[in-house]
Amino acid sequence: MIVTIDGPAGSGKSTAARGLAKRLGFEFLDTGAMYRCVACGVLQKNVDPADEQAVTHVSQQIKITFSGDRVLLDGEDVSAAIRTPDVTDAASVVAQYPAVRQELVRLQQRAAEGVDIVSEGRDQGTVVFPDAFCKVFLIADPEERARRRHEELVAQGKQITLEAILQQINERDQRDEQRTVAPLKPADDAVEINTSRLTIDEVIDQLEQLVRSRINSESH
């Protein structure tokens, strides 16, 4: 059984998807982390994120694995490294390349074979798992998403203004929505939830209720 949770940066989808997977006893697939790993690998190898061919080559060479909550790139724990502003910026650039997306979609589909999974990202319900059992699209006001991201980065000791993060988020939304391959948009059959005024527990409660009610109606 596959549950997809899509949405823009800062809508709370990673935390919500991880929490939902835990409550349901499902696997959790953080596809955003996979694109961040490609960006991280590109920057580590001093490859220009704007060089599509070189970036594609990197995406086909690196090995991305998950160990609990940790993300490993070629065996190295990059859980913190992939959340830096530089990697965040590079990730939304490399994610526009068709060959990179094709490679990661293949890995994502393989990861979901034969398991119950909650998969989060930007194109999970539209491209990667179009036949998913339950699809959700989370949204939130840009200002609220920027505030959440700012809080995260400040907690990590990063120095960045709220205004700079809001600008990054608006630019990223534009890139994600306007890219030609797998643009950010809700699937036609996705349930949209606005998380702007909800706590993370309230979001997870709503998601759990939705999935369990679907399971119950299927079994009757």
N, C-alpha and C. Protein backbone atom coordinates (compact mmCIF):
# COMPACT_ATOMS: atom_id res chain seq x y z
N MET A 1 0.84 -1.19 0.00
CA MET A 1 0.00 0.00 0.00
C MET A 1 0.88 1.25 0.00
N ILE A 2 0.57 2.18 -0.89
CA ILE A 2 1.39 3.39 -1.02
C ILE A 2 0.56 4.63 -0.68
N VAL A 3 1.10 5.46 0.22
CA VAL A 3 0.49 6.74 0.55
C VAL A 3 1.48 7.81 0.10
N THR A 4 1.03 8.77 -0.70
CA THR A 4 1.93 9.83 -1.17
C THR A 4 1.56 11.15 -0.50
N ILE A 5 2.59 11.90 -0.11
CA ILE A 5 2.38 13.23 0.47
C ILE A 5 3.27 14.21 -0.30
N ASP A 6 2.64 15.07 -1.08
CA ASP A 6 3.37 16.07 -1.86
C ASP A 6 3.09 17.46 -1.31
N GLY A 7 3.89 18.42 -1.78
CA GLY A 7 3.67 19.80 -1.38
C GLY A 7 4.94 20.61 -1.52
N PRO A 8 4.83 21.94 -1.41
CA PRO A 8 5.99 22.80 -1.56
C PRO A 8 6.90 22.75 -0.33
N ALA A 9 8.09 23.35 -0.46
CA ALA A 9 9.06 23.40 0.63
C ALA A 9 8.44 24.08 1.85
N GLY A 10 8.63 23.47 3.03
CA GLY A 10 8.17 24.09 4.27
C GLY A 10 6.72 23.85 4.61
N SER A 11 6.04 22.99 3.83
CA SER A 11 4.62 22.72 4.12
C SER A 11 4.48 21.69 5.23
N GLY A 12 5.61 21.11 5.65
CA GLY A 12 5.59 20.15 6.77
C GLY A 12 5.50 18.71 6.32
N LYS A 13 5.70 18.47 5.01
CA LYS A 13 5.44 17.12 4.50
C LYS A 13 6.42 16.06 5.01
N SER A 14 7.71 16.42 5.17
CA SER A 14 8.68 15.41 5.64
C SER A 14 8.34 14.94 7.05
N THR A 15 8.14 15.91 7.95
CA THR A 15 7.83 15.56 9.34
C THR A 15 6.50 14.82 9.43
N ALA A 16 5.51 15.29 8.67
CA ALA A 16 4.19 14.66 8.69
C ALA A 16 4.26 13.24 8.12
N ALA A 17 4.99 13.07 7.02
CA ALA A 17 5.09 11.74 6.39
C ALA A 17 5.82 10.77 7.30
N ARG A 18 6.88 11.25 7.94
CA ARG A 18 7.64 10.38 8.85
C ARG A 18 6.76 9.97 10.03
N GLY A 19 6.01 10.93 10.59
CA GLY A 19 5.13 10.64 11.72
C GLY A 19 4.00 9.70 11.35
N LEU A 20 3.44 9.90 10.15
CA LEU A 20 2.35 9.04 9.68
C LEU A 20 2.85 7.61 9.47
N ALA A 21 4.02 7.48 8.85
CA ALA A 21 4.59 6.14 8.61
C ALA A 21 4.78 5.40 9.92
N LYS A 22 5.23 6.13 10.93
CA LYS A 22 5.45 5.52 12.26
C LYS A 22 4.13 5.02 12.84
N ARG A 23 3.09 5.85 12.75
CA ARG A 23 1.78 5.47 13.32
C ARG A 23 1.15 4.28 12.58
N LEU A 24 1.37 4.23 11.27
CA LEU A 24 0.77 3.15 10.48
C LEU A 24 1.62 1.89 10.44
N GLY A 25 2.90 2.03 10.89
CA GLY A 25 3.81 0.89 10.79
C GLY A 25 4.30 0.67 9.36
N PHE A 26 4.34 1.77 8.57
CA PHE A 26 4.79 1.72 7.17
C PHE A 26 6.26 2.14 7.09
N GLU A 27 6.89 1.85 5.94
CA GLU A 27 8.21 2.40 5.64
C GLU A 27 8.01 3.88 5.28
N PHE A 28 9.10 4.67 5.38
CA PHE A 28 9.04 6.09 5.02
C PHE A 28 10.09 6.37 3.95
N LEU A 29 9.68 7.01 2.87
CA LEU A 29 10.62 7.35 1.79
C LEU A 29 10.70 8.86 1.64
N ASP A 30 11.87 9.42 1.96
CA ASP A 30 12.11 10.86 1.89
C ASP A 30 12.75 11.17 0.53
N THR A 31 11.92 11.43 -0.47
CA THR A 31 12.46 11.63 -1.82
C THR A 31 13.18 12.98 -1.95
N GLY A 32 12.74 13.96 -1.14
CA GLY A 32 13.43 15.25 -1.16
C GLY A 32 14.89 15.10 -0.78
N ALA A 33 15.15 14.20 0.19
CA ALA A 33 16.52 13.95 0.63
C ALA A 33 17.35 13.36 -0.51
N MET A 34 16.70 12.62 -1.40
CA MET A 34 17.42 12.01 -2.52
C MET A 34 17.92 13.09 -3.49
N TYR A 35 17.06 14.07 -3.78
CA TYR A 35 17.49 15.17 -4.66
C TYR A 35 18.56 16.02 -3.96
N ARG A 36 18.42 16.17 -2.64
CA ARG A 36 19.44 16.90 -1.89
C ARG A 36 20.78 16.17 -1.93
N CYS A 37 20.73 14.83 -1.92
CA CYS A 37 21.96 14.04 -2.00
C CYS A 37 22.66 14.25 -3.34
N VAL A 38 21.88 14.32 -4.41
CA VAL A 38 22.47 14.59 -5.72
C VAL A 38 23.15 15.97 -5.69
N ALA A 39 22.43 16.96 -5.15
CA ALA A 39 22.99 18.32 -5.05
C ALA A 39 24.26 18.33 -4.20
N CYS A 40 24.23 17.60 -3.10
CA CYS A 40 25.38 17.53 -2.19
C CYS A 40 26.57 16.89 -2.91
N GLY A 41 26.31 15.79 -3.64
CA GLY A 41 27.36 15.12 -4.39
C GLY A 41 27.96 16.03 -5.46
N VAL A 42 27.09 16.80 -6.11
CA VAL A 42 27.52 17.75 -7.14
C VAL A 42 28.45 18.80 -6.54
N LEU A 43 28.05 19.36 -5.40
CA LEU A 43 28.87 20.40 -4.76
C LEU A 43 30.18 19.82 -4.23
N GLN A 44 30.12 18.62 -3.67
CA GLN A 44 31.34 17.96 -3.16
C GLN A 44 32.36 17.74 -4.27
N LYS A 45 31.84 17.44 -5.47
CA LYS A 45 32.73 17.14 -6.60
C LYS A 45 33.06 18.40 -7.42
N ASN A 46 32.67 19.57 -6.87
CA ASN A 46 32.93 20.85 -7.55
C ASN A 46 32.35 20.90 -8.97
N VAL A 47 31.20 20.27 -9.13
CA VAL A 47 30.49 20.32 -10.41
C VAL A 47 29.51 21.49 -10.36
N ASP A 48 29.39 22.21 -11.45
CA ASP A 48 28.46 23.33 -11.53
C ASP A 48 27.03 22.78 -11.62
N PRO A 49 26.13 23.13 -10.66
CA PRO A 49 24.75 22.64 -10.71
C PRO A 49 24.05 22.98 -12.03
N ALA A 50 24.54 24.00 -12.75
CA ALA A 50 23.94 24.41 -14.02
C ALA A 50 24.39 23.53 -15.19
N ASP A 51 25.38 22.66 -14.95
CA ASP A 51 25.90 21.77 -16.00
C ASP A 51 25.08 20.47 -16.00
N GLU A 52 24.04 20.45 -16.81
CA GLU A 52 23.07 19.35 -16.78
C GLU A 52 23.71 17.98 -17.01
N GLN A 53 24.61 17.92 -17.99
CA GLN A 53 25.24 16.63 -18.33
C GLN A 53 26.09 16.10 -17.17
N ALA A 54 26.88 17.00 -16.58
CA ALA A 54 27.77 16.60 -15.47
C ALA A 54 26.94 16.20 -14.24
N VAL A 55 25.87 16.94 -13.99
CA VAL A 55 25.00 16.63 -12.84
C VAL A 55 24.34 15.26 -13.04
N THR A 56 23.87 14.99 -14.25
CA THR A 56 23.26 13.70 -14.56
C THR A 56 24.25 12.57 -14.31
N HIS A 57 25.49 12.79 -14.73
CA HIS A 57 26.53 11.78 -14.52
C HIS A 57 26.71 11.50 -13.03
N VAL A 58 26.76 12.56 -12.23
CA VAL A 58 26.90 12.40 -10.77
C VAL A 58 25.73 11.60 -10.21
N SER A 59 24.50 11.92 -10.67
CA SER A 59 23.30 11.24 -10.13
C SER A 59 23.32 9.75 -10.40
N GLN A 60 24.02 9.35 -11.48
CA GLN A 60 24.08 7.93 -11.84
C GLN A 60 25.23 7.19 -11.14
N GLN A 61 26.16 7.96 -10.57
CA GLN A 61 27.33 7.35 -9.93
C GLN A 61 27.18 7.19 -8.41
N ILE A 62 26.45 8.11 -7.77
CA ILE A 62 26.40 8.10 -6.30
C ILE A 62 25.47 7.01 -5.77
N LYS A 63 25.67 6.66 -4.51
CA LYS A 63 24.80 5.66 -3.87
C LYS A 63 24.12 6.34 -2.68
N ILE A 64 22.80 6.33 -2.71
CA ILE A 64 22.00 6.96 -1.64
C ILE A 64 21.33 5.85 -0.83
N THR A 65 21.54 5.87 0.48
CA THR A 65 20.88 4.88 1.34
C THR A 65 20.32 5.57 2.58
N PHE A 66 19.33 4.93 3.18
CA PHE A 66 18.72 5.44 4.41
C PHE A 66 18.96 4.44 5.53
N SER A 67 19.33 4.97 6.69
CA SER A 67 19.53 4.11 7.86
C SER A 67 18.80 4.77 9.03
N GLY A 68 17.58 4.28 9.32
CA GLY A 68 16.76 4.96 10.33
C GLY A 68 16.45 6.36 9.84
N ASP A 69 16.78 7.36 10.67
CA ASP A 69 16.54 8.76 10.28
C ASP A 69 17.74 9.37 9.56
N ARG A 70 18.79 8.59 9.38
CA ARG A 70 20.00 9.14 8.76
C ARG A 70 20.02 8.90 7.25
N VAL A 71 20.60 9.87 6.55
CA VAL A 71 20.73 9.76 5.10
C VAL A 71 22.21 9.59 4.78
N LEU A 72 22.53 8.55 4.00
CA LEU A 72 23.93 8.27 3.67
C LEU A 72 24.18 8.49 2.19
N LEU A 73 25.26 9.20 1.89
CA LEU A 73 25.69 9.41 0.51
C LEU A 73 27.04 8.72 0.35
N ASP A 74 27.06 7.68 -0.47
CA ASP A 74 28.27 6.85 -0.63
C ASP A 74 28.82 6.41 0.73
N GLY A 75 27.90 6.05 1.63
CA GLY A 75 28.29 5.52 2.93
C GLY A 75 28.57 6.58 4.00
N GLU A 76 28.55 7.86 3.61
CA GLU A 76 28.83 8.94 4.58
C GLU A 76 27.52 9.57 5.04
N ASP A 77 27.41 9.81 6.34
CA ASP A 77 26.20 10.42 6.90
C ASP A 77 26.15 11.91 6.50
N VAL A 78 25.17 12.24 5.66
CA VAL A 78 25.05 13.63 5.18
C VAL A 78 23.73 14.26 5.66
N SER A 79 23.13 13.67 6.70
CA SER A 79 21.82 14.13 7.18
C SER A 79 21.78 15.64 7.43
N ALA A 80 22.84 16.18 8.04
CA ALA A 80 22.90 17.62 8.32
C ALA A 80 23.36 18.39 7.09
N ALA A 81 24.34 17.84 6.39
CA ALA A 81 24.93 18.54 5.22
C ALA A 81 23.90 18.85 4.15
N ILE A 82 22.92 17.95 3.95
CA ILE A 82 21.95 18.16 2.87
C ILE A 82 20.87 19.19 3.21
N ARG A 83 20.89 19.69 4.45
CA ARG A 83 19.89 20.69 4.85
C ARG A 83 20.43 22.11 4.82
N THR A 84 21.67 22.30 4.38
CA THR A 84 22.25 23.65 4.34
C THR A 84 21.62 24.46 3.20
N PRO A 85 21.61 25.80 3.33
CA PRO A 85 21.02 26.63 2.27
C PRO A 85 21.65 26.40 0.90
N ASP A 86 22.98 26.18 0.83
CA ASP A 86 23.66 25.95 -0.45
C ASP A 86 23.12 24.71 -1.15
N VAL A 87 22.97 23.63 -0.37
CA VAL A 87 22.46 22.38 -0.95
C VAL A 87 20.99 22.55 -1.32
N THR A 88 20.24 23.24 -0.48
CA THR A 88 18.81 23.50 -0.77
C THR A 88 18.65 24.20 -2.11
N ASP A 89 19.45 25.24 -2.34
CA ASP A 89 19.40 25.97 -3.61
C ASP A 89 19.77 25.07 -4.78
N ALA A 90 20.87 24.34 -4.62
CA ALA A 90 21.35 23.47 -5.70
C ALA A 90 20.35 22.35 -6.00
N ALA A 91 19.66 21.87 -4.95
CA ALA A 91 18.71 20.76 -5.12
C ALA A 91 17.58 21.15 -6.06
N SER A 92 17.08 22.38 -5.93
CA SER A 92 15.94 22.75 -6.79
C SER A 92 16.40 23.03 -8.22
N VAL A 93 17.70 23.23 -8.42
CA VAL A 93 18.24 23.38 -9.78
C VAL A 93 18.40 22.00 -10.42
N VAL A 94 19.07 21.08 -9.70
CA VAL A 94 19.33 19.75 -10.28
C VAL A 94 18.03 18.95 -10.48
N ALA A 95 17.01 19.25 -9.66
CA ALA A 95 15.74 18.52 -9.75
C ALA A 95 14.98 18.84 -11.03
N GLN A 96 15.42 19.86 -11.76
CA GLN A 96 14.74 20.23 -13.01
C GLN A 96 15.17 19.36 -14.19
N TYR A 97 16.29 18.63 -14.03
CA TYR A 97 16.85 17.88 -15.16
C TYR A 97 16.13 16.55 -15.37
N PRO A 98 15.58 16.32 -16.57
CA PRO A 98 14.81 15.11 -16.83
C PRO A 98 15.55 13.81 -16.52
N ALA A 99 16.84 13.73 -16.89
CA ALA A 99 17.58 12.48 -16.67
C ALA A 99 17.83 12.21 -15.18
N VAL A 100 17.99 13.28 -14.40
CA VAL A 100 18.17 13.13 -12.94
C VAL A 100 16.85 12.62 -12.34
N ARG A 101 15.75 13.22 -12.74
CA ARG A 101 14.44 12.81 -12.22
C ARG A 101 14.14 11.36 -12.61
N GLN A 102 14.48 11.02 -13.85
CA GLN A 102 14.23 9.66 -14.34
C GLN A 102 14.99 8.64 -13.48
N GLU A 103 16.23 8.95 -13.18
CA GLU A 103 17.06 8.05 -12.37
C GLU A 103 16.48 7.90 -10.96
N LEU A 104 16.09 9.02 -10.34
CA LEU A 104 15.60 8.96 -8.96
C LEU A 104 14.19 8.35 -8.89
N VAL A 105 13.37 8.60 -9.90
CA VAL A 105 12.04 7.98 -9.94
C VAL A 105 12.18 6.46 -9.98
N ARG A 106 13.13 5.98 -10.78
CA ARG A 106 13.39 4.54 -10.87
C ARG A 106 13.77 3.97 -9.49
N LEU A 107 14.64 4.70 -8.77
CA LEU A 107 15.06 4.26 -7.44
C LEU A 107 13.90 4.28 -6.45
N GLN A 108 13.04 5.32 -6.57
CA GLN A 108 11.89 5.45 -5.66
C GLN A 108 10.89 4.33 -5.89
N GLN A 109 10.62 4.02 -7.15
CA GLN A 109 9.66 2.95 -7.46
C GLN A 109 10.20 1.60 -6.99
N ARG A 110 11.50 1.43 -7.14
CA ARG A 110 12.10 0.17 -6.68
C ARG A 110 12.01 0.06 -5.15
N ALA A 111 12.21 1.18 -4.45
CA ALA A 111 12.16 1.18 -2.98
C ALA A 111 10.78 0.80 -2.45
N ALA A 112 9.74 1.05 -3.25
CA ALA A 112 8.36 0.80 -2.80
C ALA A 112 7.84 -0.59 -3.17
N GLU A 113 8.65 -1.36 -3.86
CA GLU A 113 8.19 -2.68 -4.31
C GLU A 113 7.95 -3.61 -3.12
N GLY A 114 6.71 -4.11 -3.01
CA GLY A 114 6.41 -5.12 -2.01
C GLY A 114 6.36 -4.64 -0.56
N VAL A 115 6.33 -3.31 -0.34
CA VAL A 115 6.25 -2.82 1.04
C VAL A 115 5.12 -1.79 1.16
N ASP A 116 4.63 -1.61 2.39
CA ASP A 116 3.69 -0.52 2.67
C ASP A 116 4.55 0.70 2.94
N ILE A 117 4.26 1.80 2.24
CA ILE A 117 5.19 2.94 2.31
C ILE A 117 4.44 4.27 2.31
N VAL A 118 4.99 5.24 3.03
CA VAL A 118 4.55 6.64 2.93
C VAL A 118 5.69 7.36 2.22
N SER A 119 5.40 7.92 1.06
CA SER A 119 6.44 8.56 0.25
C SER A 119 6.13 10.04 0.12
N GLU A 120 7.10 10.88 0.44
CA GLU A 120 6.85 12.32 0.35
C GLU A 120 7.76 12.97 -0.68
N GLY A 121 7.25 14.03 -1.31
CA GLY A 121 8.05 14.74 -2.30
C GLY A 121 7.26 15.82 -2.99
N ARG A 122 7.48 15.95 -4.29
CA ARG A 122 6.77 16.97 -5.06
C ARG A 122 5.99 16.37 -6.22
N ASP A 123 6.34 15.12 -6.59
CA ASP A 123 5.67 14.51 -7.75
C ASP A 123 5.28 13.06 -7.46
N GLN A 124 5.12 12.73 -6.18
CA GLN A 124 4.87 11.33 -5.82
C GLN A 124 3.50 10.85 -6.31
N GLY A 125 2.48 11.68 -6.11
CA GLY A 125 1.13 11.29 -6.52
C GLY A 125 0.85 11.49 -8.00
N THR A 126 1.65 12.37 -8.66
CA THR A 126 1.41 12.67 -10.07
C THR A 126 2.25 11.81 -11.01
N VAL A 127 3.52 11.57 -10.64
CA VAL A 127 4.46 10.91 -11.56
C VAL A 127 4.95 9.56 -11.05
N VAL A 128 5.44 9.54 -9.80
CA VAL A 128 6.12 8.34 -9.31
C VAL A 128 5.13 7.22 -9.00
N PHE A 129 4.06 7.56 -8.26
CA PHE A 129 3.07 6.56 -7.88
C PHE A 129 1.66 7.03 -8.26
N PRO A 130 1.36 7.12 -9.56
CA PRO A 130 0.05 7.64 -9.98
C PRO A 130 -1.12 6.77 -9.52
N ASP A 131 -0.84 5.50 -9.18
CA ASP A 131 -1.92 4.60 -8.72
C ASP A 131 -1.90 4.41 -7.21
N ALA A 132 -1.28 5.34 -6.49
CA ALA A 132 -1.17 5.21 -5.03
C ALA A 132 -2.55 5.07 -4.37
N PHE A 133 -2.59 4.36 -3.27
CA PHE A 133 -3.83 4.09 -2.53
C PHE A 133 -4.45 5.38 -1.99
N CYS A 134 -3.59 6.27 -1.50
CA CYS A 134 -4.08 7.52 -0.91
C CYS A 134 -3.07 8.63 -1.22
N LYS A 135 -3.58 9.76 -1.74
CA LYS A 135 -2.69 10.87 -2.10
C LYS A 135 -3.08 12.13 -1.35
N VAL A 136 -2.06 12.82 -0.83
CA VAL A 136 -2.31 14.05 -0.07
C VAL A 136 -1.40 15.15 -0.63
N PHE A 137 -1.92 16.37 -0.66
CA PHE A 137 -1.11 17.53 -1.06
C PHE A 137 -1.19 18.55 0.06
N LEU A 138 -0.05 18.80 0.72
CA LEU A 138 -0.02 19.76 1.83
C LEU A 138 0.34 21.14 1.30
N ILE A 139 -0.35 22.15 1.80
CA ILE A 139 -0.01 23.53 1.45
C ILE A 139 0.13 24.34 2.74
N ALA A 140 0.77 25.49 2.65
CA ALA A 140 0.85 26.43 3.78
C ALA A 140 1.26 27.78 3.21
N ASP A 141 0.90 28.86 3.92
CA ASP A 141 1.26 30.20 3.47
C ASP A 141 2.78 30.32 3.37
N PRO A 142 3.31 31.02 2.33
CA PRO A 142 4.76 31.17 2.19
C PRO A 142 5.42 31.76 3.45
N GLU A 143 4.74 32.72 4.09
CA GLU A 143 5.32 33.36 5.29
C GLU A 143 5.47 32.35 6.43
N GLU A 144 4.48 31.48 6.56
CA GLU A 144 4.52 30.45 7.61
C GLU A 144 5.61 29.42 7.30
N ARG A 145 5.74 29.07 6.03
CA ARG A 145 6.76 28.10 5.63
C ARG A 145 8.15 28.68 5.87
N ALA A 146 8.32 29.97 5.59
CA ALA A 146 9.61 30.63 5.81
C ALA A 146 9.93 30.67 7.31
N ARG A 147 8.91 30.95 8.13
CA ARG A 147 9.12 31.01 9.59
C ARG A 147 9.59 29.65 10.11
N ARG A 148 8.97 28.58 9.64
CA ARG A 148 9.35 27.23 10.09
C ARG A 148 10.78 26.91 9.70
N ARG A 149 11.12 27.24 8.45
CA ARG A 149 12.47 26.95 7.95
C ARG A 149 13.50 27.77 8.73
N HIS A 150 13.16 29.03 9.03
CA HIS A 150 14.06 29.92 9.77
C HIS A 150 14.32 29.35 11.16
N GLU A 151 13.25 28.89 11.80
CA GLU A 151 13.38 28.27 13.14
C GLU A 151 14.34 27.08 13.11
N GLU A 152 14.17 26.23 12.10
CA GLU A 152 15.04 25.05 11.94
C GLU A 152 16.50 25.44 11.82
N LEU A 153 16.77 26.41 10.95
CA LEU A 153 18.15 26.81 10.67
C LEU A 153 18.78 27.51 11.86
N VAL A 154 18.00 28.34 12.55
CA VAL A 154 18.51 29.03 13.74
C VAL A 154 18.86 28.00 14.81
N ALA A 155 18.02 26.96 14.94
CA ALA A 155 18.29 25.88 15.91
C ALA A 155 19.59 25.15 15.58
N GLN A 156 19.95 25.15 14.30
CA GLN A 156 21.20 24.50 13.87
C GLN A 156 22.39 25.45 13.96
N GLY A 157 22.12 26.68 14.43
CA GLY A 157 23.21 27.65 14.57
C GLY A 157 23.51 28.43 13.29
N LYS A 158 22.61 28.36 12.30
CA LYS A 158 22.84 29.06 11.03
C LYS A 158 22.38 30.52 11.15
N GLN A 159 23.12 31.41 10.51
CA GLN A 159 22.78 32.83 10.50
C GLN A 159 22.14 33.19 9.17
N ILE A 160 20.84 33.37 9.15
CA ILE A 160 20.15 33.77 7.91
C ILE A 160 18.87 34.50 8.29
N THR A 161 18.52 35.52 7.52
CA THR A 161 17.34 36.31 7.87
C THR A 161 16.07 35.63 7.36
N LEU A 162 14.98 35.95 8.01
CA LEU A 162 13.66 35.43 7.61
C LEU A 162 13.33 35.89 6.19
N GLU A 163 13.70 37.15 5.88
CA GLU A 163 13.42 37.70 4.55
C GLU A 163 14.14 36.90 3.45
N ALA A 164 15.40 36.53 3.74
CA ALA A 164 16.19 35.77 2.75
C ALA A 164 15.55 34.41 2.50
N ILE A 165 15.05 33.78 3.57
CA ILE A 165 14.42 32.46 3.43
C ILE A 165 13.11 32.58 2.66
N LEU A 166 12.34 33.62 2.93
CA LEU A 166 11.07 33.82 2.21
C LEU A 166 11.35 34.00 0.72
N GLN A 167 12.39 34.74 0.41
CA GLN A 167 12.76 34.95 -1.00
C GLN A 167 13.15 33.61 -1.65
N GLN A 168 13.95 32.81 -0.93
CA GLN A 168 14.37 31.48 -1.43
C GLN A 168 13.15 30.60 -1.70
N ILE A 169 12.20 30.62 -0.76
CA ILE A 169 11.01 29.79 -0.88
C ILE A 169 10.17 30.21 -2.09
N ASN A 170 9.99 31.52 -2.26
CA ASN A 170 9.21 32.01 -3.40
C ASN A 170 9.88 31.64 -4.74
N GLU A 171 11.23 31.77 -4.77
CA GLU A 171 11.97 31.43 -5.99
C GLU A 171 11.87 29.92 -6.27
N ARG A 172 11.96 29.14 -5.19
CA ARG A 172 11.91 27.69 -5.35
C ARG A 172 10.52 27.25 -5.83
N ASP A 173 9.47 27.84 -5.24
CA ASP A 173 8.10 27.53 -5.68
C ASP A 173 7.96 27.77 -7.18
N GLN A 174 8.49 28.92 -7.60
CA GLN A 174 8.37 29.29 -9.02
C GLN A 174 9.09 28.26 -9.90
N ARG A 175 10.31 27.88 -9.49
CA ARG A 175 11.08 26.88 -10.26
C ARG A 175 10.34 25.55 -10.30
N ASP A 176 9.84 25.13 -9.12
CA ASP A 176 9.17 23.83 -9.02
C ASP A 176 7.88 23.77 -9.83
N GLU A 177 7.14 24.88 -9.81
CA GLU A 177 5.84 24.91 -10.49
C GLU A 177 5.99 25.07 -12.01
N GLN A 178 7.09 25.71 -12.42
CA GLN A 178 7.24 26.02 -13.84
C GLN A 178 8.12 25.05 -14.61
N ARG A 179 8.77 24.10 -13.90
CA ARG A 179 9.66 23.20 -14.65
C ARG A 179 8.82 22.33 -15.60
N THR A 180 9.44 21.95 -16.71
CA THR A 180 8.70 21.23 -17.75
C THR A 180 8.45 19.78 -17.36
N VAL A 181 9.38 19.20 -16.59
CA VAL A 181 9.22 17.79 -16.19
C VAL A 181 8.68 17.73 -14.77
N ALA A 182 7.60 17.00 -14.56
CA ALA A 182 7.01 16.78 -13.24
C ALA A 182 6.89 18.07 -12.41
N PRO A 183 6.16 19.07 -12.91
CA PRO A 183 5.99 20.30 -12.13
C PRO A 183 5.23 20.02 -10.82
N LEU A 184 5.46 20.89 -9.85
CA LEU A 184 4.78 20.75 -8.55
C LEU A 184 3.31 21.11 -8.71
N LYS A 185 2.44 20.13 -8.52
CA LYS A 185 1.00 20.38 -8.56
C LYS A 185 0.30 19.18 -7.92
N PRO A 186 -0.88 19.40 -7.34
CA PRO A 186 -1.58 18.26 -6.73
C PRO A 186 -2.12 17.31 -7.78
N ALA A 187 -2.11 16.02 -7.48
CA ALA A 187 -2.77 15.04 -8.36
C ALA A 187 -4.27 15.33 -8.33
N ASP A 188 -4.97 14.98 -9.40
CA ASP A 188 -6.41 15.25 -9.50
C ASP A 188 -7.18 14.61 -8.35
N ASP A 189 -6.69 13.46 -7.86
CA ASP A 189 -7.41 12.76 -6.80
C ASP A 189 -6.75 12.92 -5.43
N ALA A 190 -5.92 13.97 -5.28
CA ALA A 190 -5.26 14.21 -3.98
C ALA A 190 -6.16 15.00 -3.04
N VAL A 191 -6.04 14.72 -1.75
CA VAL A 191 -6.75 15.50 -0.73
C VAL A 191 -5.82 16.63 -0.30
N GLU A 192 -6.30 17.87 -0.39
CA GLU A 192 -5.46 19.02 -0.04
C GLU A 192 -5.68 19.42 1.42
N ILE A 193 -4.58 19.60 2.15
CA ILE A 193 -4.67 20.02 3.56
C ILE A 193 -3.78 21.25 3.75
N ASN A 194 -4.36 22.32 4.30
CA ASN A 194 -3.60 23.52 4.60
C ASN A 194 -3.05 23.42 6.03
N THR A 195 -1.73 23.41 6.16
CA THR A 195 -1.10 23.19 7.48
C THR A 195 -0.72 24.50 8.18
N SER A 196 -1.06 25.65 7.59
CA SER A 196 -0.60 26.95 8.12
C SER A 196 -0.93 27.13 9.60
N ARG A 197 -2.14 26.74 9.99
CA ARG A 197 -2.58 26.99 11.38
C ARG A 197 -2.63 25.70 12.21
N LEU A 198 -2.02 24.64 11.72
CA LEU A 198 -2.07 23.36 12.43
C LEU A 198 -0.72 23.00 13.05
N THR A 199 -0.76 22.35 14.21
CA THR A 199 0.48 21.81 14.77
C THR A 199 0.81 20.54 13.98
N ILE A 200 2.04 20.09 14.10
CA ILE A 200 2.43 18.89 13.35
C ILE A 200 1.61 17.68 13.79
N ASP A 201 1.30 17.60 15.09
CA ASP A 201 0.47 16.48 15.57
C ASP A 201 -0.94 16.52 14.97
N GLU A 202 -1.47 17.73 14.82
CA GLU A 202 -2.81 17.86 14.21
C GLU A 202 -2.79 17.43 12.75
N VAL A 203 -1.69 17.75 12.06
CA VAL A 203 -1.56 17.34 10.65
C VAL A 203 -1.50 15.81 10.58
N ILE A 204 -0.67 15.21 11.43
CA ILE A 204 -0.52 13.74 11.42
C ILE A 204 -1.85 13.07 11.80
N ASP A 205 -2.56 13.65 12.77
CA ASP A 205 -3.89 13.12 13.15
C ASP A 205 -4.82 13.08 11.94
N GLN A 206 -4.86 14.19 11.20
CA GLN A 206 -5.74 14.26 10.02
C GLN A 206 -5.35 13.22 8.97
N LEU A 207 -4.03 13.08 8.77
CA LEU A 207 -3.54 12.13 7.76
C LEU A 207 -3.88 10.70 8.17
N GLU A 208 -3.66 10.40 9.45
CA GLU A 208 -3.93 9.04 9.94
C GLU A 208 -5.42 8.71 9.79
N GLN A 209 -6.25 9.67 10.17
CA GLN A 209 -7.71 9.51 10.07
C GLN A 209 -8.12 9.23 8.62
N LEU A 210 -7.54 10.00 7.70
CA LEU A 210 -7.84 9.85 6.27
C LEU A 210 -7.47 8.45 5.76
N VAL A 211 -6.23 8.04 6.05
CA VAL A 211 -5.75 6.74 5.55
C VAL A 211 -6.55 5.59 6.17
N ARG A 212 -6.76 5.66 7.49
CA ARG A 212 -7.48 4.56 8.16
C ARG A 212 -8.93 4.48 7.67
N SER A 213 -9.56 5.62 7.40
CA SER A 213 -10.94 5.58 6.91
C SER A 213 -10.99 4.97 5.51
N ARG A 214 -9.95 5.24 4.71
CA ARG A 214 -9.86 4.64 3.37
C ARG A 214 -9.68 3.12 3.48
N ILE A 215 -8.81 2.71 4.41
CA ILE A 215 -8.56 1.27 4.62
C ILE A 215 -9.85 0.58 5.05
N ASN A 216 -10.58 1.21 5.98
CA ASN A 216 -11.83 0.63 6.48
C ASN A 216 -12.88 0.51 5.38
N SER A 217 -12.99 1.56 4.54
CA SER A 217 -14.01 1.50 3.49
C SER A 217 -13.64 0.47 2.42
N GLU A 218 -12.34 0.25 2.22
CA GLU A 218 -11.89 -0.76 1.25
C GLU A 218 -12.23 -2.17 1.75
N SER A 219 -12.12 -2.34 3.08
CA SER A 219 -12.30 -3.71 3.63
C SER A 219 -13.77 -4.08 3.82
N HIS A 220 -14.67 -3.09 3.62
CA HIS A 220 -16.11 -3.41 3.79
C HIS A 220 -16.76 -3.69 2.45
